[in-house]
Amino acid sequence: MKVQLIQGEFNSPDAIQLISNMINLKIKYQEGQIEKNNNEEDIKYRESKIKNLQNELFELRNFLSTKENVKIDASINLE
């Protein structure tokens, strides 16, 4: 099954907002999982994932700041 989340051309500020919201949702999910868990290895793993997401968001903002418009095609594929 495929769920189409975003498809189209967006100006840079709108693209940053859309993608930032999606990444922040993923970060909040990981933070919620950390709160539920007492396993130190799992917590460190999730903290690492959060740090990677934050780095990707930083790089994304830098990349999109040089663009006027950008095409986005984002979907979820369930198998």
Protein backbone atom coordinates (compact mmCIF):
# COMPACT_ATOMS: atom_id res chain seq x y z
CA MET A 1 0.00 0.00 0.00
CA LYS A 2 1.23 3.49 -0.82
CA VAL A 3 0.13 6.71 0.91
CA GLN A 4 0.97 9.93 -0.94
CA LEU A 5 1.85 12.59 1.65
CA ILE A 6 3.16 15.49 -0.41
CA GLN A 7 3.36 15.96 -4.15
CA GLY A 8 3.89 19.18 -6.04
CA GLU A 9 6.04 22.24 -6.53
CA PHE A 10 6.50 24.62 -3.62
CA ASN A 11 8.34 27.85 -3.00
CA SER A 12 11.33 27.49 -0.70
CA PRO A 13 9.72 28.84 2.51
CA ASP A 14 6.68 26.56 2.12
CA ALA A 15 8.88 23.55 1.39
CA ILE A 16 10.98 24.26 4.47
CA GLN A 17 7.85 24.53 6.60
CA LEU A 18 6.32 21.30 5.28
CA ILE A 19 9.46 19.23 5.63
CA SER A 20 10.39 20.78 8.98
CA ASN A 21 6.99 19.85 10.35
CA MET A 22 7.43 16.25 9.20
CA ILE A 23 10.94 15.96 10.66
CA ASN A 24 9.81 17.55 13.93
CA LEU A 25 7.02 14.99 14.14
CA LYS A 26 9.60 12.21 13.78
CA ILE A 27 11.72 13.84 16.51
CA LYS A 28 8.72 14.06 18.85
CA TYR A 29 7.97 10.39 18.21
CA GLN A 30 11.54 9.43 19.19
CA GLU A 31 11.34 11.64 22.29
CA GLY A 32 8.11 9.93 23.29
CA GLN A 33 9.74 6.53 22.89
CA ILE A 34 12.63 7.66 25.10
CA GLU A 35 10.17 8.67 27.84
CA LYS A 36 8.58 5.20 27.74
CA ASN A 37 11.85 3.29 27.84
CA ASN A 38 14.38 2.58 30.58
CA ASN A 39 16.83 0.66 28.40
CA GLU A 40 20.01 2.75 28.17
CA GLU A 41 21.05 1.28 24.79
CA ASP A 42 17.67 2.07 23.26
CA ILE A 43 17.72 5.59 24.67
CA LYS A 44 21.19 6.25 23.21
CA TYR A 45 20.05 4.84 19.85
CA ARG A 46 17.00 7.12 19.79
CA GLU A 47 19.06 10.14 20.88
CA SER A 48 21.39 9.40 17.96
CA LYS A 49 18.41 9.26 15.59
CA ILE A 50 17.19 12.63 16.91
CA LYS A 51 20.62 14.18 16.39
CA ASN A 52 20.72 12.84 12.82
CA LEU A 53 17.25 14.25 12.09
CA GLN A 54 18.32 17.64 13.46
CA ASN A 55 21.44 17.59 11.26
CA GLU A 56 19.38 16.66 8.20
CA LEU A 57 16.98 19.51 8.93
CA PHE A 58 19.90 21.94 9.18
CA GLU A 59 21.30 20.74 5.84
CA LEU A 60 17.85 20.90 4.27
CA ARG A 61 17.36 24.51 5.33
CA ASN A 62 20.76 25.43 3.89
CA PHE A 63 19.99 23.66 0.62
CA LEU A 64 16.52 25.15 0.22
CA SER A 65 17.73 28.66 1.05
CA THR A 66 19.50 28.62 -2.33
CA LYS A 67 16.40 27.51 -4.27
CA GLU A 68 13.41 29.51 -5.42
CA ASN A 69 11.08 26.55 -6.00
CA VAL A 70 11.38 22.87 -5.29
CA LYS A 71 9.44 19.77 -6.32
CA ILE A 72 8.52 17.42 -3.50
CA ASP A 73 7.34 13.86 -3.88
CA ALA A 74 6.91 12.20 -0.48
CA SER A 75 5.07 8.99 0.14
CA ILE A 76 4.93 6.07 2.55
CA ASN A 77 5.21 2.55 1.15
CA LEU A 78 3.74 -0.19 3.35
CA GLU A 79 4.63 -3.79 2.66
